[in-house]
Amino acid sequence: MTSLTLLQVAADAGAALGKMGAGIGAGLASIGAGIGIGQIGKGAMEATARQPEIANEIRTFMLITAAFVEGVALIGIVVCLLIILT
């Protein structure tokens, strides 16, 4: 094999590993978001059980925080998809 052929094979293998890594990254971003939102819900339920009179404020803060967690996860998934598609 010529050195050019070896370089092409190495580049193809590197691209495949990059795409596999991007897929793993998208999965981890989704798992992280699920865990984060679960912890937010857990904390909100505990806080509401302790102080039921401020349940509306707790719910508002919980939804805002969950939206931020989802936004970060969405950015991670979009970056991974851009890596896969390029």
Protein backbone atom coordinates (compact mmCIF):
# COMPACT_ATOMS: atom_id res chain seq x y z
CA MET A 1 0.00 0.00 0.00
CA THR A 2 1.16 3.47 -0.69
CA SER A 3 1.33 6.04 2.03
CA LEU A 4 -1.55 7.98 0.44
CA THR A 5 -3.80 4.92 0.70
CA LEU A 6 -2.81 4.43 4.33
CA LEU A 7 -3.64 8.06 5.08
CA GLN A 8 -7.05 7.70 3.46
CA VAL A 9 -7.82 4.60 5.50
CA ALA A 10 -6.75 6.36 8.70
CA ALA A 11 -8.90 9.40 7.86
CA ASP A 12 -11.94 7.22 7.22
CA ALA A 13 -11.43 5.42 10.54
CA GLY A 14 -11.05 8.74 12.33
CA ALA A 15 -14.28 10.06 10.80
CA ALA A 16 -16.13 6.94 11.90
CA LEU A 17 -14.82 7.28 15.45
CA GLY A 18 -15.80 10.94 15.46
CA LYS A 19 -19.35 10.09 14.45
CA MET A 20 -19.55 7.37 17.08
CA GLY A 21 -18.30 9.82 19.69
CA ALA A 22 -20.90 12.37 18.62
CA GLY A 23 -23.63 9.77 19.02
CA ILE A 24 -22.40 8.91 22.49
CA GLY A 25 -22.26 12.61 23.35
CA ALA A 26 -25.87 13.13 22.25
CA GLY A 27 -26.94 10.19 24.39
CA LEU A 28 -25.09 11.49 27.43
CA ALA A 29 -26.62 14.95 26.95
CA SER A 30 -30.09 13.39 26.97
CA ILE A 31 -29.35 11.25 30.01
CA GLY A 32 -27.91 14.25 31.86
CA ALA A 33 -30.99 16.33 31.14
CA GLY A 34 -33.25 13.56 32.39
CA ILE A 35 -31.31 13.21 35.62
CA GLY A 36 -31.22 16.99 36.11
CA ILE A 37 -34.94 17.44 35.61
CA GLY A 38 -35.62 14.52 37.94
CA GLN A 39 -33.57 16.19 40.65
CA ILE A 40 -35.38 19.48 40.07
CA GLY A 41 -38.75 17.76 40.42
CA LYS A 42 -37.60 15.94 43.55
CA GLY A 43 -36.46 19.17 45.17
CA ALA A 44 -39.66 20.98 44.22
CA MET A 45 -41.83 18.24 45.70
CA GLU A 46 -39.84 18.25 48.93
CA ALA A 47 -40.03 22.03 49.16
CA THR A 48 -43.77 22.02 48.49
CA ALA A 49 -44.28 19.38 51.19
CA ARG A 50 -42.41 21.53 53.69
CA GLN A 51 -44.02 24.85 52.77
CA PRO A 52 -47.29 24.32 50.91
CA GLU A 53 -48.20 28.01 51.08
CA ILE A 54 -45.53 28.95 48.50
CA ALA A 55 -46.26 26.08 46.10
CA ASN A 56 -46.96 28.46 43.18
CA GLU A 57 -43.58 30.19 43.52
CA ILE A 58 -41.78 26.85 43.79
CA ARG A 59 -43.56 25.57 40.68
CA THR A 60 -42.57 28.69 38.74
CA PHE A 61 -38.90 28.38 39.69
CA MET A 62 -38.99 24.66 38.95
CA LEU A 63 -40.31 25.22 35.42
CA ILE A 64 -37.77 27.96 34.69
CA THR A 65 -34.89 25.80 35.91
CA ALA A 66 -36.14 22.79 33.94
CA ALA A 67 -36.28 24.94 30.81
CA PHE A 68 -32.64 25.96 31.32
CA VAL A 69 -31.59 22.32 31.74
CA GLU A 70 -33.48 21.35 28.59
CA GLY A 71 -31.85 24.24 26.71
CA VAL A 72 -28.36 23.07 27.62
CA ALA A 73 -29.22 19.50 26.62
CA LEU A 74 -30.66 20.69 23.32
CA ILE A 75 -27.49 22.65 22.55
CA GLY A 76 -25.43 19.53 23.29
CA ILE A 77 -27.56 17.39 21.00
CA VAL A 78 -27.44 19.98 18.19
CA VAL A 79 -23.64 20.16 18.40
CA CYS A 80 -23.42 16.37 18.25
CA LEU A 81 -25.76 16.28 15.25
CA LEU A 82 -23.65 18.90 13.49
CA ILE A 83 -20.57 16.73 14.06
CA ILE A 84 -22.37 13.68 12.68
CA LEU A 85 -23.71 15.46 9.59
CA THR A 86 -20.46 17.17 8.58
